[in-house]
Protein backbone atom coordinates (compact mmCIF):
# COMPACT_ATOMS: atom_id res chain seq x y z
CA MET A 1 5.68 5.85 22.32
CA ALA A 2 4.41 4.74 19.41
CA SER A 3 1.24 7.48 18.42
CA ALA A 4 -2.20 6.33 18.26
CA VAL A 5 -1.98 5.74 13.84
CA THR A 6 1.47 4.26 14.08
CA LYS A 7 0.46 1.87 17.19
CA PHE A 8 2.86 -1.06 17.01
CA ARG A 9 1.27 -5.29 16.63
CA VAL A 10 2.72 -7.66 18.66
CA VAL A 11 1.15 -11.29 18.83
CA VAL A 12 2.30 -13.04 22.70
CA VAL A 13 2.39 -16.61 22.44
CA GLU A 14 2.64 -17.62 25.63
CA ASP A 15 0.09 -20.95 26.74
CA ASP A 16 -0.18 -19.19 30.56
CA PRO A 17 -3.16 -17.43 30.66
CA ASP A 18 -2.18 -14.96 33.38
CA VAL A 19 1.11 -14.32 32.19
CA ALA A 20 0.23 -14.08 28.59
CA PHE A 21 -2.45 -11.72 29.98
CA PHE A 22 -0.43 -9.75 32.30
CA MET A 23 2.20 -8.76 29.11
CA LYS A 24 -0.35 -8.03 26.73
CA THR A 25 -1.54 -5.63 29.39
CA VAL A 26 1.58 -3.66 29.97
CA LEU A 27 2.47 -3.50 26.21
CA GLU A 28 -0.83 -1.81 26.02
CA LYS A 29 -0.32 0.45 28.13
CA ARG A 30 2.82 0.75 28.66
CA ALA A 31 3.91 0.26 25.05
CA ASP A 32 0.54 2.01 23.19
CA ALA A 33 0.76 -1.23 21.34
CA VAL A 34 -2.11 -3.65 20.08
CA ALA A 35 -1.72 -6.76 21.27
CA ILE A 36 -2.73 -10.05 21.51
CA ALA A 37 -2.86 -13.14 23.90
CA VAL A 38 -2.43 -16.53 22.25
CA THR A 39 -3.23 -19.13 25.17
CA ASP A 40 -2.71 -22.45 22.22
CA PRO A 41 0.24 -22.72 20.39
CA SER A 42 -1.54 -24.87 18.12
CA VAL A 43 -3.41 -22.21 16.66
CA ALA A 44 -0.60 -19.28 16.74
CA LEU A 45 0.96 -18.92 12.82
CA ASP A 46 -3.46 -18.88 11.66
CA ARG A 47 -3.71 -16.25 14.87
CA ILE A 48 0.08 -14.14 13.16
CA ALA A 49 -1.24 -14.66 9.46
CA GLU A 50 -4.29 -12.84 10.28
CA PHE A 51 -2.92 -10.46 12.89
CA GLU A 52 0.20 -9.12 11.01
CA PRO A 53 2.03 -8.05 13.86
CA ASP A 54 4.78 -5.65 13.79
CA LEU A 55 6.64 -8.50 16.53
CA VAL A 56 5.95 -11.43 18.12
CA ILE A 57 7.08 -12.78 21.37
CA THR A 58 6.70 -16.48 22.45
CA ASP A 59 7.38 -18.74 25.71
CA ILE A 60 9.83 -21.92 24.73
CA GLU A 61 8.46 -24.45 26.64
CA MET A 62 4.53 -25.01 25.56
CA PRO A 63 3.00 -27.89 24.76
CA GLY A 64 2.33 -29.50 21.12
CA ILE A 65 4.54 -26.92 19.50
CA SER A 66 7.88 -25.10 21.24
CA GLY A 67 8.87 -21.61 21.60
CA LEU A 68 11.36 -22.74 18.97
CA ASP A 69 9.90 -24.62 16.52
CA LEU A 70 7.43 -21.73 16.31
CA LEU A 71 10.65 -19.17 15.62
CA LYS A 72 11.51 -21.36 13.05
CA GLU A 73 8.56 -21.37 11.49
CA LEU A 74 8.35 -17.94 11.34
CA ARG A 75 11.95 -17.58 10.06
CA SER A 76 10.41 -19.27 7.42
CA GLN A 77 7.61 -17.63 6.41
CA TYR A 78 8.28 -14.17 7.80
CA PRO A 79 11.62 -13.98 7.21
CA GLY A 80 12.36 -10.09 8.61
CA MET A 81 9.64 -10.78 11.52
CA PRO A 82 11.39 -9.68 15.58
CA VAL A 83 10.63 -12.95 17.44
CA VAL A 84 11.60 -12.40 21.18
CA VAL A 85 11.95 -16.29 23.35
CA MET A 86 11.15 -15.92 26.88
CA THR A 87 11.47 -19.16 29.71
CA ALA A 88 11.95 -19.54 33.31
CA HIS A 89 14.77 -21.61 33.07
CA VAL A 90 17.77 -19.76 32.89
CA SER A 91 19.90 -22.22 31.02
CA VAL A 92 22.75 -21.55 28.76
CA ASP A 93 21.16 -24.24 26.19
CA TYR A 94 18.39 -22.44 25.75
CA ALA A 95 20.18 -19.11 25.74
CA VAL A 96 22.39 -20.95 22.64
CA SER A 97 19.25 -22.45 20.91
CA ALA A 98 17.32 -19.77 20.20
CA LEU A 99 20.08 -17.58 19.03
CA ARG A 100 20.67 -20.31 16.72
CA ALA A 101 17.22 -20.31 15.61
CA GLN A 102 18.24 -16.68 15.11
CA ALA A 103 15.44 -15.06 17.87
CA ASP A 104 16.00 -11.64 18.01
CA GLU A 105 16.66 -11.75 22.07
CA PHE A 106 16.13 -13.60 25.01
CA LEU A 107 14.16 -13.17 28.07
CA THR A 108 14.33 -14.72 31.57
CA LYS A 109 10.78 -15.22 33.51
CA PRO A 110 9.31 -13.04 36.01
CA VAL A 111 10.61 -10.32 32.76
CA ALA A 112 10.81 -7.20 34.45
CA SER A 113 8.09 -4.46 32.32
CA ALA A 114 10.46 -1.74 31.77
CA GLU A 115 12.82 -4.56 30.35
CA LEU A 116 9.40 -5.40 28.22
CA VAL A 117 8.07 -2.23 26.55
CA ALA A 118 11.84 -1.28 25.76
CA ILE A 119 12.33 -4.07 23.77
CA VAL A 120 9.64 -4.77 21.86
CA ASN A 121 9.46 -0.66 21.34
CA ARG A 122 13.23 -0.99 19.90
CA LEU A 123 12.28 -4.37 17.66
CA ALA A 124 9.35 -2.84 16.13
CA ALA A 125 10.72 0.34 15.47
CA GLU A 126 13.66 -1.43 13.67
CA GLY A 127 11.15 -3.72 12.14
CA ARG A 128 8.77 -1.46 10.57
CA VAL A 129 11.63 0.72 9.03
CA LYS A 130 13.59 -2.63 7.35
CA ARG A 131 10.47 -3.96 5.86
CA ALA A 132 9.70 -0.55 4.29
CA ALA A 133 13.57 -0.19 2.66
CA SER A 134 13.15 -3.40 1.06
CA ARG A 135 9.30 -4.15 0.60
CA GLN A 136 8.46 -2.89 -3.30
CA GLN A 137 4.89 -2.27 -3.56
CA VAL A 138 2.81 -2.75 -7.23
CA VAL A 139 0.98 0.41 -7.92
CA LEU A 140 -1.38 -0.57 -10.82
CA ALA A 141 -3.42 2.74 -12.41
CA ILE A 142 -6.30 1.48 -14.44
CA GLY A 143 -8.64 3.87 -17.15
CA ALA A 144 -10.81 3.77 -19.59
CA HIS A 145 -8.74 5.33 -22.21
CA PRO A 146 -5.75 6.35 -23.14
CA ASP A 147 -4.10 9.36 -20.70
CA ASP A 148 -6.55 8.74 -18.31
CA VAL A 149 -4.49 8.31 -15.40
CA GLU A 150 -1.96 10.49 -16.15
CA ILE A 151 -4.18 13.18 -16.05
CA GLY A 152 -5.55 11.43 -12.76
CA VAL A 153 -2.75 10.09 -11.27
CA GLY A 154 0.30 10.62 -13.23
CA GLY A 155 2.35 12.66 -10.78
CA ILE A 156 1.57 10.16 -7.70
CA LEU A 157 2.79 7.47 -10.40
CA ALA A 158 5.98 9.60 -10.76
CA ALA A 159 6.75 9.35 -7.40
CA HIS A 160 5.72 5.35 -7.15
CA ARG A 161 8.86 4.50 -9.18
CA ASP A 162 10.92 7.36 -7.81
CA ALA A 163 10.77 5.11 -4.98
CA GLY A 164 11.73 2.43 -6.87
CA ASN A 165 8.25 0.45 -6.97
CA GLN A 166 6.38 -1.40 -9.69
CA VAL A 167 4.14 1.18 -12.00
CA VAL A 168 1.93 -0.90 -14.48
CA ILE A 169 -1.07 0.93 -16.56
CA LEU A 170 -4.08 -1.14 -17.74
CA THR A 171 -5.95 0.59 -20.60
CA LEU A 172 -9.33 -0.94 -21.52
CA SER A 173 -9.85 0.88 -24.71
CA ARG A 174 -7.96 2.29 -27.38
CA GLY A 175 -10.27 6.03 -27.77
CA ALA A 176 -11.70 5.76 -31.06
CA ARG A 177 -13.79 8.21 -30.16
CA GLY A 178 -11.40 10.42 -28.98
CA GLY A 179 -8.75 10.46 -32.10
CA ASP A 180 -7.54 7.52 -34.18
CA ALA A 181 -7.04 4.66 -32.47
CA ASP A 182 -3.70 3.50 -33.79
CA ASN A 183 -2.21 7.31 -32.98
CA ARG A 184 -3.70 6.60 -29.58
CA GLN A 185 -2.30 3.08 -28.49
CA HIS A 186 1.35 4.60 -29.94
CA GLU A 187 0.82 7.43 -27.56
CA SER A 188 0.68 5.26 -24.22
CA LEU A 189 3.15 3.02 -25.38
CA ALA A 190 5.03 6.21 -25.42
CA SER A 191 3.87 7.31 -21.94
CA ALA A 192 4.66 4.23 -20.46
CA GLU A 193 8.22 4.15 -22.05
CA LEU A 194 8.84 7.36 -20.31
CA LEU A 195 7.01 6.23 -16.50
CA GLY A 196 9.30 2.77 -16.37
CA ALA A 197 5.72 1.60 -16.12
CA ARG A 198 4.36 -1.57 -17.85
CA LEU A 199 1.16 -1.16 -20.31
CA PHE A 200 -1.96 -3.46 -20.65
CA LEU A 201 -3.75 -1.84 -24.09
CA GLU A 202 -7.13 -3.47 -23.83
CA ASP A 203 -9.79 -3.41 -27.32
CA LEU A 204 -12.82 -2.72 -25.18
CA GLU A 205 -15.15 -0.52 -27.09
CA ASP A 206 -14.76 3.44 -26.37
CA THR A 207 -18.11 4.63 -24.54
CA GLN A 208 -19.50 1.43 -24.68
CA ILE A 209 -17.63 0.05 -22.16
CA SER A 210 -19.76 -2.32 -19.52
CA ALA A 211 -19.10 -2.15 -15.67
CA ALA A 212 -19.56 -6.33 -15.77
CA ASP A 213 -18.07 -8.39 -17.85
CA PRO A 214 -16.02 -8.85 -19.96
CA THR A 215 -15.00 -5.05 -18.31
CA VAL A 216 -14.57 -7.20 -14.53
CA GLY A 217 -13.15 -10.26 -16.04
CA ILE A 218 -10.11 -8.09 -17.90
CA ILE A 219 -9.34 -6.35 -14.40
CA GLU A 220 -9.62 -9.98 -12.66
CA ARG A 221 -6.59 -10.82 -14.62
CA VAL A 222 -4.33 -8.72 -15.18
CA VAL A 223 -5.36 -8.16 -10.81
CA ALA A 224 -4.45 -12.07 -10.83
CA GLU A 225 -1.31 -11.14 -13.07
CA VAL A 226 0.40 -8.74 -11.48
CA GLN A 227 -1.43 -8.85 -7.94
CA PRO A 228 -0.85 -5.51 -6.87
CA ASP A 229 -1.01 -3.86 -3.27
CA ILE A 230 -2.74 0.20 -4.50
CA VAL A 231 -4.53 0.53 -6.79
CA TYR A 232 -5.97 4.12 -8.69
CA THR A 233 -8.87 4.26 -10.87
CA HIS A 234 -12.28 6.43 -11.94
CA SER A 235 -14.68 7.79 -9.35
CA SER A 236 -17.73 7.17 -9.21
CA HIS A 237 -18.99 11.05 -9.09
CA ASP A 238 -17.87 11.54 -13.11
CA ARG A 239 -20.37 12.33 -16.04
CA HIS A 240 -18.26 10.24 -18.38
CA GLN A 241 -20.57 6.54 -18.63
CA ASP A 242 -17.41 4.56 -19.06
CA HIS A 243 -15.70 6.76 -16.62
CA ARG A 244 -18.29 5.22 -14.05
CA ALA A 245 -18.51 1.62 -15.61
CA VAL A 246 -14.58 1.61 -14.75
CA HIS A 247 -15.16 2.20 -11.76
CA ALA A 248 -17.97 -0.30 -10.83
CA ALA A 249 -15.87 -2.82 -12.76
CA THR A 250 -12.73 -2.51 -9.89
CA ASN A 251 -14.42 -2.56 -7.29
CA VAL A 252 -15.97 -5.82 -8.04
CA ALA A 253 -12.90 -6.96 -9.37
CA THR A 254 -10.04 -5.27 -6.76
CA ARG A 255 -12.06 -7.66 -4.03
CA THR A 256 -8.62 -8.98 -2.59
CA VAL A 257 -6.96 -5.82 -3.39
CA ARG A 258 -6.31 -4.08 0.35
CA THR A 259 -5.70 -0.59 -1.12
CA VAL A 260 -7.93 1.34 -3.97
CA CYS A 261 -8.33 4.78 -4.42
CA CYS A 262 -10.51 6.99 -7.49
CA TYR A 263 -8.96 9.67 -8.64
CA GLN A 264 -10.45 13.15 -10.36
CA SER A 265 -11.23 13.47 -14.56
CA PRO A 266 -11.84 16.43 -15.77
CA SER A 267 -15.13 15.29 -16.65
CA ALA A 268 -15.41 14.61 -12.48
CA THR A 269 -18.91 15.87 -11.49
CA ILE A 270 -19.09 18.41 -8.20
CA ASP A 271 -19.61 15.51 -6.36
CA PHE A 272 -15.96 14.37 -6.94
CA ARG A 273 -15.44 14.47 -2.54
CA PRO A 274 -11.61 13.44 -2.21
CA THR A 275 -10.22 12.33 1.20
CA ARG A 276 -6.20 11.90 0.69
CA PHE A 277 -4.29 14.80 -1.32
CA VAL A 278 -1.15 13.27 -2.72
CA PRO A 279 1.68 16.26 -2.87
CA ILE A 280 3.67 15.78 -6.21
CA ASP A 281 6.02 18.58 -5.69
CA GLY A 282 9.03 17.28 -7.62
CA PHE A 283 6.91 15.52 -10.33
CA THR A 284 4.68 18.06 -12.19
CA ASP A 285 7.08 17.88 -14.99
CA THR A 286 7.24 14.68 -15.13
CA LYS A 287 3.33 14.84 -15.48
CA LEU A 288 3.39 17.57 -17.94
CA ARG A 289 5.60 15.02 -19.85
CA LEU A 290 3.09 12.15 -19.52
CA ILE A 291 0.48 14.45 -21.02
CA ASP A 292 2.72 15.42 -23.21
CA CYS A 293 2.69 12.12 -25.04
CA PHE A 294 -0.87 12.30 -26.03
CA ARG A 295 -0.01 15.06 -28.51
CA SER A 296 -3.63 14.51 -30.29
CA GLN A 297 -5.57 15.48 -27.37
CA THR A 298 -3.74 18.15 -25.83
CA GLU A 299 -3.84 20.78 -29.26
CA LEU A 300 -7.66 20.02 -28.96
CA ARG A 301 -8.42 19.92 -25.01
CA ALA A 302 -7.83 22.71 -23.06
CA TYR A 303 -7.52 20.76 -19.66
CA LEU A 304 -4.36 19.10 -20.72
CA GLU A 305 -2.22 22.60 -21.43
CA PRO A 306 0.19 22.63 -18.88
CA ASP A 307 -0.97 25.66 -16.71
CA PHE A 308 -4.50 24.43 -16.29
CA VAL A 309 -2.98 21.06 -15.29
CA LEU A 310 -1.01 22.91 -13.08
CA ALA A 311 -3.26 25.56 -11.52
CA THR A 312 -5.34 21.95 -10.85
CA ALA A 313 -2.58 20.41 -8.36
CA ARG A 314 -2.10 24.07 -6.54
CA TYR A 315 -5.48 24.56 -5.96
CA TRP A 316 -5.31 20.76 -4.44
CA SER A 317 -2.20 21.97 -2.32
CA ARG A 318 -4.92 24.25 -0.13
CA PHE A 319 -5.91 20.52 1.02
CA GLY A 320 -2.38 18.96 1.38
CA GLY A 321 1.31 19.27 2.07
CA GLY A 322 3.47 20.95 -0.97
CA LYS A 323 2.66 23.62 -3.87
CA ASN A 324 1.07 20.91 -5.98
CA CYS A 325 -1.42 17.79 -5.19
CA GLU A 326 -3.12 15.52 -6.48
CA PRO A 327 -6.86 14.42 -5.08
CA LEU A 328 -7.75 10.69 -4.22
CA GLU A 329 -11.27 9.19 -2.99
CA VAL A 330 -10.58 6.25 -0.84
CA MET A 331 -12.35 3.07 -1.24
CA ARG A 332 -10.83 1.05 0.32
CA ASP A 333 -6.83 1.42 2.44
CA THR A 334 -6.01 -1.11 5.51
CA ALA A 335 -2.32 -0.94 3.62
CA ASP A 336 0.34 1.18 4.51
CA ILE A 337 0.13 2.89 1.02
CA SER A 338 3.53 5.42 1.93
CA ILE A 339 6.44 5.45 -0.65
CA PRO A 340 9.42 5.68 1.50
CA ALA A 341 10.35 9.08 2.41
CA SER A 342 13.62 8.78 1.58
CA THR A 343 13.70 8.84 -1.56
CA LEU A 344 11.27 11.72 -1.85
CA SER A 345 12.51 15.21 -1.06
CA ALA A 346 10.69 17.09 2.01
CA GLU A 347 7.78 18.34 0.57
CA ALA A 348 7.41 15.90 -2.16
CA ARG A 349 6.74 13.11 0.14
CA TYR A 350 4.30 10.44 -0.27
CA PRO A 351 2.12 10.67 2.97
CA GLY A 352 0.78 7.70 4.84
CA THR A 353 -1.08 10.09 6.85
CA ARG A 354 -5.17 11.15 6.80
CA GLN A 355 -5.47 14.47 5.64
């Protein structure tokens, strides 16, 4: 049975309201699923797109569009989604047609409740595993200055890369107030190369970054190009005006992104209130090497010394799993941001659960 956090989502497409309601009730009470019943097959594809189910169950004989036609559309638009077709008329022809259209199961009415629950639990679970294994997430980390994202989420980004996800870094200034801009540019490139990340390095004026345009426009352009699943950015709880401005601009420019989280910077205030603590065990060495790329800064700023970085990660682990954590304030989280657990050690898994 699915837990409350991971309930399977099921769409039942059935033009008979009584049958549709019965199946919805069985799935919600006995499979612990979240189910919706669609009795008008002409709107089924729209409802499926809105609901984003783990599995679809459809009748075959329906007005307007048959279950087999719907199945073909689903196979075209959602290749990995499990689909079960059913009919009240037992027929070899129906079964052959359904199998040729690549249905995952073929059921005859009346469907036994126990059989329905067993099939839904099995197919939905298998579908989630396949999607998690095949889907590559795109992660965008946004910083006002060179080294911001490496300090805040260097371990998380390393975990994403280890899981096969694409990592993109957007740095909005060259940090001229903190050192030579050319040196800091080379350091940013070295860090991105070490991480295996794609780098967008802009040239906004250090300490004068705006919360409106051109900052919003730059972030919108990068979001449109890379289409991230997850965005990491500065917190609003920060003493540095550039960090607060980037936070505000990101909030506007990432309206279409389903998951946006804020990381801690050395200038964060005591109002920084993380709600998720991500274990980075196995990736602390990589984080230290990323930070070491910015040698012009590490020689000047005590908070970049390895023992300070590790002590900070060790402190946050008291609220999360593992021995070292990076904290996040979650602004928006409607997507599954977990890294496939099979790629990480037991203690270094990036959690999809909330602490």
